[in-house]
Amino acid sequence: PVHRPAPASGEVSYASRPKTIYIFRNGDIHHTGEKLLLKLDIRTMDQLLKKVSDEVPLVTGGCRCLVTPQGHRMTSIEEFEEGGQYIALGGEALNKERMPQLRK
């Protein structure tokens, strides 16, 4: 694979095809995740964060970043994997003690 530097949040990057991802609320151990279709018209991280904010309401306000369950911050649309599971964060840190119930 060709390594491309991750674009800044306002820059355009393209997913090569639509992907289904699962978004979980940080610190909500009872949240079973929301299925989200990452369509080709979502071209920036800002657009994706807005979509997540609309579809997965957080107690702390809008979604400011998405991370993997291991804590890796997603910085580019291209990084998302089909069937991947990501945790939505407002301004708070990842709460590993109250990790949502991820899908098997």
PDB file of N, CA and C in Angstrom:
ATOM      1  N   PRO A   1       0.819  -1.201   0.000  1.00  0.00           N
ATOM      2  CA  PRO A   1       0.000   0.000   0.000  1.00  0.00           C
ATOM      3  C   PRO A   1       0.860   1.261   0.000  1.00  0.00           C
ATOM      4  N   VAL A   2       0.345   2.265  -0.640  1.00  0.00           N
ATOM      5  CA  VAL A   2       1.039   3.544  -0.703  1.00  0.00           C
ATOM      6  C   VAL A   2       0.733   4.314   0.568  1.00  0.00           C
ATOM      7  N   HIS A   3       1.776   4.832   1.225  1.00  0.00           N
ATOM      8  CA  HIS A   3       1.566   5.610   2.447  1.00  0.00           C
ATOM      9  C   HIS A   3       1.389   7.069   2.059  1.00  0.00           C
ATOM     10  N   ARG A   4       0.242   7.632   2.466  1.00  0.00           N
ATOM     11  CA  ARG A   4      -0.020   9.045   2.226  1.00  0.00           C
ATOM     12  C   ARG A   4      -0.126   9.734   3.570  1.00  0.00           C
ATOM     13  N   PRO A   5       0.437  10.921   3.703  1.00  0.00           N
ATOM     14  CA  PRO A   5       0.290  11.633   4.976  1.00  0.00           C
ATOM     15  C   PRO A   5      -1.181  11.956   5.229  1.00  0.00           C
ATOM     16  N   ALA A   6      -1.590  11.879   6.474  1.00  0.00           N
ATOM     17  CA  ALA A   6      -2.979  12.178   6.834  1.00  0.00           C
ATOM     18  C   ALA A   6      -3.263  13.656   6.616  1.00  0.00           C
ATOM     19  N   PRO A   7      -4.385  13.979   5.949  1.00  0.00           N
ATOM     20  CA  PRO A   7      -4.720  15.387   5.753  1.00  0.00           C
ATOM     21  C   PRO A   7      -5.200  16.023   7.044  1.00  0.00           C
ATOM     22  N   ALA A   8      -5.061  17.338   7.130  1.00  0.00           N
ATOM     23  CA  ALA A   8      -5.615  18.077   8.270  1.00  0.00           C
ATOM     24  C   ALA A   8      -7.132  17.931   8.231  1.00  0.00           C
ATOM     25  N   SER A   9      -7.799  18.196   9.343  1.00  0.00           N
ATOM     26  CA  SER A   9      -9.231  17.923   9.446  1.00  0.00           C
ATOM     27  C   SER A   9     -10.068  18.618   8.382  1.00  0.00           C
ATOM     28  N   GLY A  10      -9.641  19.764   7.882  1.00  0.00           N
ATOM     29  CA  GLY A  10     -10.416  20.477   6.881  1.00  0.00           C
ATOM     30  C   GLY A  10     -10.093  20.062   5.456  1.00  0.00           C
ATOM     31  N   GLU A  11      -9.025  19.284   5.280  1.00  0.00           N
ATOM     32  CA  GLU A  11      -8.635  18.892   3.934  1.00  0.00           C
ATOM     33  C   GLU A  11      -9.484  17.727   3.452  1.00  0.00           C
ATOM     34  N   VAL A  12      -9.575  17.608   2.141  1.00  0.00           N
ATOM     35  CA  VAL A  12     -10.390  16.564   1.538  1.00  0.00           C
ATOM     36  C   VAL A  12      -9.583  15.283   1.410  1.00  0.00           C
ATOM     37  N   SER A  13     -10.169  14.184   1.845  1.00  0.00           N
ATOM     38  CA  SER A  13      -9.625  12.859   1.594  1.00  0.00           C
ATOM     39  C   SER A  13     -10.816  12.007   1.191  1.00  0.00           C
ATOM     40  N   TYR A  14     -10.569  10.958   0.465  1.00  0.00           N
ATOM     41  CA  TYR A  14     -11.680  10.176  -0.059  1.00  0.00           C
ATOM     42  C   TYR A  14     -11.602   8.739   0.414  1.00  0.00           C
ATOM     43  N   ALA A  15     -12.753   8.203   0.810  1.00  0.00           N
ATOM     44  CA  ALA A  15     -12.842   6.779   1.043  1.00  0.00           C
ATOM     45  C   ALA A  15     -12.953   6.151  -0.342  1.00  0.00           C
ATOM     46  N   SER A  16     -12.320   5.028  -0.554  1.00  0.00           N
ATOM     47  CA  SER A  16     -12.332   4.412  -1.872  1.00  0.00           C
ATOM     48  C   SER A  16     -13.698   3.802  -2.198  1.00  0.00           C
ATOM     49  N   ARG A  17     -14.454   3.441  -1.167  1.00  0.00           N
ATOM     50  CA  ARG A  17     -15.805   2.900  -1.346  1.00  0.00           C
ATOM     51  C   ARG A  17     -16.567   3.112  -0.046  1.00  0.00           C
ATOM     52  N   PRO A  18     -17.905   3.045  -0.094  1.00  0.00           N
ATOM     53  CA  PRO A  18     -18.654   3.204   1.155  1.00  0.00           C
ATOM     54  C   PRO A  18     -18.263   2.115   2.161  1.00  0.00           C
ATOM     55  N   LYS A  19     -18.267   2.484   3.452  1.00  0.00           N
ATOM     56  CA  LYS A  19     -17.910   1.533   4.507  1.00  0.00           C
ATOM     57  C   LYS A  19     -18.931   1.633   5.626  1.00  0.00           C
ATOM     58  N   THR A  20     -19.230   0.512   6.239  1.00  0.00           N
ATOM     59  CA  THR A  20     -20.071   0.495   7.423  1.00  0.00           C
ATOM     60  C   THR A  20     -19.153   0.468   8.636  1.00  0.00           C
ATOM     61  N   ILE A  21     -19.362   1.430   9.548  1.00  0.00           N
ATOM     62  CA  ILE A  21     -18.573   1.487  10.775  1.00  0.00           C
ATOM     63  C   ILE A  21     -19.539   1.531  11.965  1.00  0.00           C
ATOM     64  N   TYR A  22     -19.031   1.274  13.149  1.00  0.00           N
ATOM     65  CA  TYR A  22     -19.841   1.300  14.369  1.00  0.00           C
ATOM     66  C   TYR A  22     -19.246   2.334  15.321  1.00  0.00           C
ATOM     67  N   ILE A  23     -20.125   3.194  15.827  1.00  0.00           N
ATOM     68  CA  ILE A  23     -19.700   4.276  16.713  1.00  0.00           C
ATOM     69  C   ILE A  23     -20.281   4.039  18.102  1.00  0.00           C
ATOM     70  N   PHE A  24     -19.446   4.178  19.120  1.00  0.00           N
ATOM     71  CA  PHE A  24     -19.835   3.985  20.511  1.00  0.00           C
ATOM     72  C   PHE A  24     -19.608   5.274  21.296  1.00  0.00           C
ATOM     73  N   ARG A  25     -20.432   5.495  22.305  1.00  0.00           N
ATOM     74  CA  ARG A  25     -20.264   6.659  23.188  1.00  0.00           C
ATOM     75  C   ARG A  25     -19.193   6.348  24.230  1.00  0.00           C
ATOM     76  N   ASN A  26     -18.283   7.257  24.405  1.00  0.00           N
ATOM     77  CA  ASN A  26     -17.229   7.119  25.401  1.00  0.00           C
ATOM     78  C   ASN A  26     -17.823   7.037  26.809  1.00  0.00           C
ATOM     79  N   GLY A  27     -17.373   6.059  27.588  1.00  0.00           N
ATOM     80  CA  GLY A  27     -17.775   5.948  28.984  1.00  0.00           C
ATOM     81  C   GLY A  27     -19.158   5.367  29.214  1.00  0.00           C
ATOM     82  N   ASP A  28     -19.867   4.946  28.162  1.00  0.00           N
ATOM     83  CA  ASP A  28     -21.228   4.393  28.301  1.00  0.00           C
ATOM     84  C   ASP A  28     -21.161   2.880  28.141  1.00  0.00           C
ATOM     85  N   ILE A  29     -21.036   2.171  29.269  1.00  0.00           N
ATOM     86  CA  ILE A  29     -20.858   0.718  29.212  1.00  0.00           C
ATOM     87  C   ILE A  29     -22.090  -0.015  28.678  1.00  0.00           C
ATOM     88  N   HIS A  30     -23.237   0.646  28.652  1.00  0.00           N
ATOM     89  CA  HIS A  30     -24.464   0.009  28.175  1.00  0.00           C
ATOM     90  C   HIS A  30     -24.762   0.304  26.705  1.00  0.00           C
ATOM     91  N   HIS A  31     -24.003   1.200  26.092  1.00  0.00           N
ATOM     92  CA  HIS A  31     -24.251   1.552  24.695  1.00  0.00           C
ATOM     93  C   HIS A  31     -23.765   0.428  23.788  1.00  0.00           C
ATOM     94  N   THR A  32     -24.646  -0.050  22.917  1.00  0.00           N
ATOM     95  CA  THR A  32     -24.312  -1.175  22.039  1.00  0.00           C
ATOM     96  C   THR A  32     -23.809  -0.722  20.671  1.00  0.00           C
ATOM     97  N   GLY A  33     -23.654   0.574  20.477  1.00  0.00           N
ATOM     98  CA  GLY A  33     -23.095   1.086  19.230  1.00  0.00           C
ATOM     99  C   GLY A  33     -24.146   1.466  18.219  1.00  0.00           C
ATOM    100  N   GLU A  34     -23.783   2.400  17.363  1.00  0.00           N
ATOM    101  CA  GLU A  34     -24.655   2.845  16.277  1.00  0.00           C
ATOM    102  C   GLU A  34     -23.970   2.520  14.963  1.00  0.00           C
ATOM    103  N   LYS A  35     -24.717   1.874  14.083  1.00  0.00           N
ATOM    104  CA  LYS A  35     -24.207   1.552  12.750  1.00  0.00           C
ATOM    105  C   LYS A  35     -24.264   2.822  11.901  1.00  0.00           C
ATOM    106  N   LEU A  36     -23.165   3.135  11.235  1.00  0.00           N
ATOM    107  CA  LEU A  36     -23.100   4.354  10.435  1.00  0.00           C
ATOM    108  C   LEU A  36     -22.479   4.016   9.080  1.00  0.00           C
ATOM    109  N   LEU A  37     -23.142   4.453   8.010  1.00  0.00           N
ATOM    110  CA  LEU A  37     -22.606   4.233   6.676  1.00  0.00           C
ATOM    111  C   LEU A  37     -21.722   5.415   6.313  1.00  0.00           C
ATOM    112  N   LEU A  38     -20.471   5.129   6.074  1.00  0.00           N
ATOM    113  CA  LEU A  38     -19.505   6.147   5.677  1.00  0.00           C
ATOM    114  C   LEU A  38     -19.553   6.232   4.156  1.00  0.00           C
ATOM    115  N   LYS A  39     -20.406   7.143   3.665  1.00  0.00           N
ATOM    116  CA  LYS A  39     -20.635   7.271   2.232  1.00  0.00           C
ATOM    117  C   LYS A  39     -19.518   8.055   1.558  1.00  0.00           C
ATOM    118  N   LEU A  40     -19.471   7.953   0.246  1.00  0.00           N
ATOM    119  CA  LEU A  40     -18.432   8.641  -0.517  1.00  0.00           C
ATOM    120  C   LEU A  40     -18.565  10.157  -0.468  1.00  0.00           C
ATOM    121  N   ASP A  41     -19.779  10.664  -0.144  1.00  0.00           N
ATOM    122  CA  ASP A  41     -19.945  12.124  -0.086  1.00  0.00           C
ATOM    123  C   ASP A  41     -19.365  12.731   1.185  1.00  0.00           C
ATOM    124  N   ILE A  42     -18.975  11.906   2.151  1.00  0.00           N
ATOM    125  CA  ILE A  42     -18.290  12.391   3.356  1.00  0.00           C
ATOM    126  C   ILE A  42     -16.808  12.431   3.017  1.00  0.00           C
ATOM    127  N   ARG A  43     -16.286  13.641   2.838  1.00  0.00           N
ATOM    128  CA  ARG A  43     -14.925  13.798   2.327  1.00  0.00           C
ATOM    129  C   ARG A  43     -13.941  14.346   3.344  1.00  0.00           C
ATOM    130  N   THR A  44     -14.434  14.882   4.454  1.00  0.00           N
ATOM    131  CA  THR A  44     -13.512  15.436   5.450  1.00  0.00           C
ATOM    132  C   THR A  44     -13.864  14.886   6.825  1.00  0.00           C
ATOM    133  N   MET A  45     -12.902  14.944   7.709  1.00  0.00           N
ATOM    134  CA  MET A  45     -13.152  14.521   9.086  1.00  0.00           C
ATOM    135  C   MET A  45     -14.202  15.427   9.728  1.00  0.00           C
ATOM    136  N   ASP A  46     -14.186  16.715   9.397  1.00  0.00           N
ATOM    137  CA  ASP A  46     -15.186  17.633   9.952  1.00  0.00           C
ATOM    138  C   ASP A  46     -16.602  17.202   9.569  1.00  0.00           C
ATOM    139  N   GLN A  47     -16.797  16.776   8.314  1.00  0.00           N
ATOM    140  CA  GLN A  47     -18.114  16.296   7.886  1.00  0.00           C
ATOM    141  C   GLN A  47     -18.505  15.037   8.653  1.00  0.00           C
ATOM    142  N   LEU A  48     -17.555  14.140   8.849  1.00  0.00           N
ATOM    143  CA  LEU A  48     -17.845  12.909   9.578  1.00  0.00           C
ATOM    144  C   LEU A  48     -18.169  13.204  11.042  1.00  0.00           C
ATOM    145  N   LEU A  49     -17.404  14.091  11.678  1.00  0.00           N
ATOM    146  CA  LEU A  49     -17.662  14.424  13.083  1.00  0.00           C
ATOM    147  C   LEU A  49     -19.048  15.059  13.242  1.00  0.00           C
ATOM    148  N   LYS A  50     -19.464  15.861  12.285  1.00  0.00           N
ATOM    149  CA  LYS A  50     -20.808  16.463  12.316  1.00  0.00           C
ATOM    150  C   LYS A  50     -21.867  15.369  12.211  1.00  0.00           C
ATOM    151  N   LYS A  51     -21.673  14.424  11.295  1.00  0.00           N
ATOM    152  CA  LYS A  51     -22.619  13.316  11.126  1.00  0.00           C
ATOM    153  C   LYS A  51     -22.705  12.482  12.410  1.00  0.00           C
ATOM    154  N   VAL A  52     -21.563  12.193  13.009  1.00  0.00           N
ATOM    155  CA  VAL A  52     -21.549  11.423  14.259  1.00  0.00           C
ATOM    156  C   VAL A  52     -22.266  12.210  15.362  1.00  0.00           C
ATOM    157  N   SER A  53     -22.018  13.509  15.445  1.00  0.00           N
ATOM    158  CA  SER A  53     -22.678  14.344  16.455  1.00  0.00           C
ATOM    159  C   SER A  53     -24.197  14.289  16.305  1.00  0.00           C
ATOM    160  N   ASP A  54     -24.671  14.267  15.055  1.00  0.00           N
ATOM    161  CA  ASP A  54     -26.108  14.214  14.797  1.00  0.00           C
ATOM    162  C   ASP A  54     -26.716  12.857  15.129  1.00  0.00           C
ATOM    163  N   GLU A  55     -25.960  11.775  14.900  1.00  0.00           N
ATOM    164  CA  GLU A  55     -26.517  10.436  15.028  1.00  0.00           C
ATOM    165  C   GLU A  55     -26.193   9.732  16.342  1.00  0.00           C
ATOM    166  N   VAL A  56     -25.144  10.169  17.015  1.00  0.00           N
ATOM    167  CA  VAL A  56     -24.744   9.549  18.293  1.00  0.00           C
ATOM    168  C   VAL A  56     -24.562  10.671  19.310  1.00  0.00           C
ATOM    169  N   PRO A  57     -25.652  11.155  19.904  1.00  0.00           N
ATOM    170  CA  PRO A  57     -25.541  12.272  20.849  1.00  0.00           C
ATOM    171  C   PRO A  57     -24.659  11.930  22.052  1.00  0.00           C
ATOM    172  N   LEU A  58     -23.793  12.865  22.388  1.00  0.00           N
ATOM    173  CA  LEU A  58     -22.909  12.692  23.545  1.00  0.00           C
ATOM    174  C   LEU A  58     -23.362  13.612  24.663  1.00  0.00           C
ATOM    175  N   VAL A  59     -23.184  13.178  25.893  1.00  0.00           N
ATOM    176  CA  VAL A  59     -23.526  13.996  27.059  1.00  0.00           C
ATOM    177  C   VAL A  59     -22.669  15.257  27.086  1.00  0.00           C
ATOM    178  N   THR A  60     -21.434  15.134  26.584  1.00  0.00           N
ATOM    179  CA  THR A  60     -20.478  16.242  26.653  1.00  0.00           C
ATOM    180  C   THR A  60     -20.584  17.211  25.468  1.00  0.00           C
ATOM    181  N   GLY A  61     -21.567  17.030  24.606  1.00  0.00           N
ATOM    182  CA  GLY A  61     -21.732  17.920  23.449  1.00  0.00           C
ATOM    183  C   GLY A  61     -21.398  17.205  22.165  1.00  0.00           C
ATOM    184  N   GLY A  62     -20.959  17.963  21.168  1.00  0.00           N
ATOM    185  CA  GLY A  62     -20.653  17.393  19.858  1.00  0.00           C
ATOM    186  C   GLY A  62     -19.405  16.533  19.868  1.00  0.00           C
ATOM    187  N   CYS A  63     -19.343  15.628  18.904  1.00  0.00           N
ATOM    188  CA  CYS A  63     -18.180  14.759  18.750  1.00  0.00           C
ATOM    189  C   CYS A  63     -17.016  15.582  18.219  1.00  0.00           C
ATOM    190  N   ARG A  64     -15.883  15.522  18.909  1.00  0.00           N
ATOM    191  CA  ARG A  64     -14.696  16.268  18.485  1.00  0.00           C
ATOM    192  C   ARG A  64     -13.628  15.367  17.883  1.00  0.00           C
ATOM    193  N   CYS A  65     -13.666  14.080  18.232  1.00  0.00           N
ATOM    194  CA  CYS A  65     -12.737  13.146  17.606  1.00  0.00           C
ATOM    195  C   CYS A  65     -13.238  11.722  17.761  1.00  0.00           C
ATOM    196  N   LEU A  66     -12.720  10.853  16.921  1.00  0.00           N
ATOM    197  CA  LEU A  66     -13.024   9.424  16.971  1.00  0.00           C
ATOM    198  C   LEU A  66     -11.727   8.683  17.209  1.00  0.00           C
ATOM    199  N   VAL A  67     -11.790   7.683  18.078  1.00  0.00           N
ATOM    200  CA  VAL A  67     -10.602   6.882  18.379  1.00  0.00           C
ATOM    201  C   VAL A  67     -10.951   5.408  18.295  1.00  0.00           C
ATOM    202  N   THR A  68      -9.932   4.583  18.102  1.00  0.00           N
ATOM    203  CA  THR A  68     -10.125   3.140  18.167  1.00  0.00           C
ATOM    204  C   THR A  68     -10.255   2.754  19.642  1.00  0.00           C
ATOM    205  N   PRO A  69     -10.731   1.552  19.935  1.00  0.00           N
ATOM    206  CA  PRO A  69     -10.793   1.123  21.342  1.00  0.00           C
ATOM    207  C   PRO A  69      -9.422   1.118  22.027  1.00  0.00           C
ATOM    208  N   GLN A  70      -8.354   1.068  21.239  1.00  0.00           N
ATOM    209  CA  GLN A  70      -7.003   1.105  21.801  1.00  0.00           C
ATOM    210  C   GLN A  70      -6.533   2.537  22.037  1.00  0.00           C
ATOM    211  N   GLY A  71      -7.313   3.531  21.566  1.00  0.00           N
ATOM    212  CA  GLY A  71      -6.984   4.919  21.813  1.00  0.00           C
ATOM    213  C   GLY A  71      -6.319   5.643  20.648  1.00  0.00           C
ATOM    214  N   HIS A  72      -6.172   4.992  19.477  1.00  0.00           N
ATOM    215  CA  HIS A  72      -5.575   5.652  18.308  1.00  0.00           C
ATOM    216  C   HIS A  72      -6.561   6.656  17.729  1.00  0.00           C
ATOM    217  N   ARG A  73      -6.138   7.903  17.604  1.00  0.00           N
ATOM    218  CA  ARG A  73      -7.001   8.964  17.069  1.00  0.00           C
ATOM    219  C   ARG A  73      -7.077   8.856  15.549  1.00  0.00           C
ATOM    220  N   MET A  74      -8.282   8.848  15.020  1.00  0.00           N
ATOM    221  CA  MET A  74      -8.501   8.781  13.579  1.00  0.00           C
ATOM    222  C   MET A  74      -8.350  10.193  13.012  1.00  0.00           C
ATOM    223  N   THR A  75      -7.513  10.343  11.988  1.00  0.00           N
ATOM    224  CA  THR A  75      -7.246  11.671  11.439  1.00  0.00           C
ATOM    225  C   THR A  75      -7.628  11.801   9.971  1.00  0.00           C
ATOM    226  N   SER A  76      -8.005  10.694   9.324  1.00  0.00           N
ATOM    227  CA  SER A  76      -8.311  10.715   7.902  1.00  0.00           C
ATOM    228  C   SER A  76      -9.447   9.744   7.597  1.00  0.00           C
ATOM    229  N   ILE A  77     -10.303  10.110   6.661  1.00  0.00           N
ATOM    230  CA  ILE A  77     -11.394   9.237   6.231  1.00  0.00           C
ATOM    231  C   ILE A  77     -10.833   7.901   5.731  1.00  0.00           C
ATOM    232  N   GLU A  78      -9.692   7.944   5.084  1.00  0.00           N
ATOM    233  CA  GLU A  78      -9.084   6.734   4.524  1.00  0.00           C
ATOM    234  C   GLU A  78      -8.697   5.707   5.578  1.00  0.00           C
ATOM    235  N   GLU A  79      -8.504   6.132   6.821  1.00  0.00           N
ATOM    236  CA  GLU A  79      -8.080   5.224   7.894  1.00  0.00           C
ATOM    237  C   GLU A  79      -9.185   4.276   8.359  1.00  0.00           C
ATOM    238  N   PHE A  80     -10.440   4.635   8.144  1.00  0.00           N
ATOM    239  CA  PHE A  80     -11.543   3.833   8.655  1.00  0.00           C
ATOM    240  C   PHE A  80     -11.644   2.514   7.902  1.00  0.00           C
ATOM    241  N   GLU A  81     -11.913   1.442   8.661  1.00  0.00           N
ATOM    242  CA  GLU A  81     -11.993   0.103   8.081  1.00  0.00           C
ATOM    243  C   GLU A  81     -13.431  -0.377   8.058  1.00  0.00           C
ATOM    244  N   GLU A  82     -13.765  -1.152   7.043  1.00  0.00           N
ATOM    245  CA  GLU A  82     -15.090  -1.765   6.943  1.00  0.00           C
ATOM    246  C   GLU A  82     -15.343  -2.580   8.207  1.00  0.00           C
ATOM    247  N   GLY A  83     -16.491  -2.318   8.869  1.00  0.00           N
ATOM    248  CA  GLY A  83     -16.842  -3.031  10.095  1.00  0.00           C
ATOM    249  C   GLY A  83     -16.087  -2.561  11.326  1.00  0.00           C
ATOM    250  N   GLY A  84     -15.287  -1.513  11.182  1.00  0.00           N
ATOM    251  CA  GLY A  84     -14.481  -1.013  12.297  1.00  0.00           C
ATOM    252  C   GLY A  84     -15.340  -0.435  13.404  1.00  0.00           C
ATOM    253  N   GLN A  85     -14.799  -0.458  14.623  1.00  0.00           N
ATOM    254  CA  GLN A  85     -15.486   0.062  15.801  1.00  0.00           C
ATOM    255  C   GLN A  85     -14.680   1.232  16.350  1.00  0.00           C
ATOM    256  N   TYR A  86     -15.381   2.353  16.575  1.00  0.00           N
ATOM    257  CA  TYR A  86     -14.718   3.585  16.985  1.00  0.00           C
ATOM    258  C   TYR A  86     -15.488   4.229  18.121  1.00  0.00           C
ATOM    259  N   ILE A  87     -14.789   4.951  18.962  1.00  0.00           N
ATOM    260  CA  ILE A  87     -15.409   5.593  20.116  1.00  0.00           C
ATOM    261  C   ILE A  87     -15.424   7.096  19.892  1.00  0.00           C
ATOM    262  N   ALA A  88     -16.612   7.676  20.079  1.00  0.00           N
ATOM    263  CA  ALA A  88     -16.804   9.117  19.895  1.00  0.00           C
ATOM    264  C   ALA A  88     -16.457   9.840  21.190  1.00  0.00           C
ATOM    265  N   LEU A  89     -15.611  10.862  21.073  1.00  0.00           N
ATOM    266  CA  LEU A  89     -15.221  11.671  22.221  1.00  0.00           C
ATOM    267  C   LEU A  89     -15.669  13.107  22.012  1.00  0.00           C
ATOM    268  N   GLY A  90     -16.132  13.734  23.099  1.00  0.00           N
ATOM    269  CA  GLY A  90     -16.405  15.169  23.071  1.00  0.00           C
ATOM    270  C   GLY A  90     -15.070  15.850  23.341  1.00  0.00           C
ATOM    271  N   GLY A  91     -14.916  16.488  24.473  1.00  0.00           N
ATOM    272  CA  GLY A  91     -13.639  17.085  24.837  1.00  0.00           C
ATOM    273  C   GLY A  91     -12.881  16.255  25.846  1.00  0.00           C
ATOM    274  N   GLU A  92     -13.494  15.161  26.287  1.00  0.00           N
ATOM    275  CA  GLU A  92     -12.925  14.357  27.363  1.00  0.00           C
ATOM    276  C   GLU A  92     -11.942  13.315  26.839  1.00  0.00           C
ATOM    277  N   ALA A  93     -11.174  12.728  27.758  1.00  0.00           N
ATOM    278  CA  ALA A  93     -10.239  11.661  27.412  1.00  0.00           C
ATOM    279  C   ALA A  93     -10.990  10.333  27.312  1.00  0.00           C
ATOM    280  N   LEU A  94     -10.404   9.373  26.620  1.00  0.00           N
ATOM    281  CA  LEU A  94     -10.987   8.038  26.498  1.00  0.00           C
ATOM    282  C   LEU A  94     -11.081   7.398  27.877  1.00  0.00           C
ATOM    283  N   ASN A  95     -12.277   6.909  28.212  1.00  0.00           N
ATOM    284  CA  ASN A  95     -12.521   6.288  29.510  1.00  0.00           C
ATOM    285  C   ASN A  95     -12.378   4.775  29.364  1.00  0.00           C
ATOM    286  N   LYS A  96     -11.171   4.256  29.622  1.00  0.00           N
ATOM    287  CA  LYS A  96     -10.917   2.819  29.446  1.00  0.00           C
ATOM    288  C   LYS A  96     -11.553   1.977  30.547  1.00  0.00           C
ATOM    289  N   GLU A  97     -11.866   2.581  31.696  1.00  0.00           N
ATOM    290  CA  GLU A  97     -12.516   1.835  32.777  1.00  0.00           C
ATOM    291  C   GLU A  97     -13.991   1.564  32.464  1.00  0.00           C
ATOM    292  N   ARG A  98     -14.608   2.423  31.696  1.00  0.00           N
ATOM    293  CA  ARG A  98     -16.035   2.275  31.351  1.00  0.00           C
ATOM    294  C   ARG A  98     -16.181   2.132  29.824  1.00  0.00           C
ATOM    295  N   MET A  99     -15.446   1.184  29.286  1.00  0.00           N
ATOM    296  CA  MET A  99     -15.456   0.939  27.850  1.00  0.00           C
ATOM    297  C   MET A  99     -16.809   0.363  27.417  1.00  0.00           C
ATOM    298  N   PRO A 100     -17.382   0.889  26.320  1.00  0.00           N
ATOM    299  CA  PRO A 100     -18.646   0.346  25.828  1.00  0.00           C
ATOM    300  C   PRO A 100     -18.493  -1.129  25.455  1.00  0.00           C
ATOM    301  N   GLN A 101     -19.625  -1.817  25.370  1.00  0.00           N
ATOM    302  CA  GLN A 101     -19.620  -3.231  24.985  1.00  0.00           C
ATOM    303  C   GLN A 101     -19.458  -3.313  23.472  1.00  0.00           C
ATOM    304  N   LEU A 102     -18.242  -3.580  23.039  1.00  0.00           N
ATOM    305  CA  LEU A 102     -17.951  -3.640  21.615  1.00  0.00           C
ATOM    306  C   LEU A 102     -18.542  -4.908  21.007  1.00  0.00           C
ATOM    307  N   ARG A 103     -18.753  -4.872  19.715  1.00  0.00           N
ATOM    308  CA  ARG A 103     -19.299  -6.019  18.998  1.00  0.00           C
ATOM    309  C   ARG A 103     -18.221  -7.065  18.818  1.00  0.00           C
ATOM    310  N   LYS A 104     -18.621  -8.303  18.839  1.00  0.00           N
ATOM    311  CA  LYS A 104     -17.678  -9.420  18.665  1.00  0.00           C
ATOM    312  C   LYS A 104     -17.522  -9.755  17.210  1.00  0.00           C
TER     313      LYS A 104
END
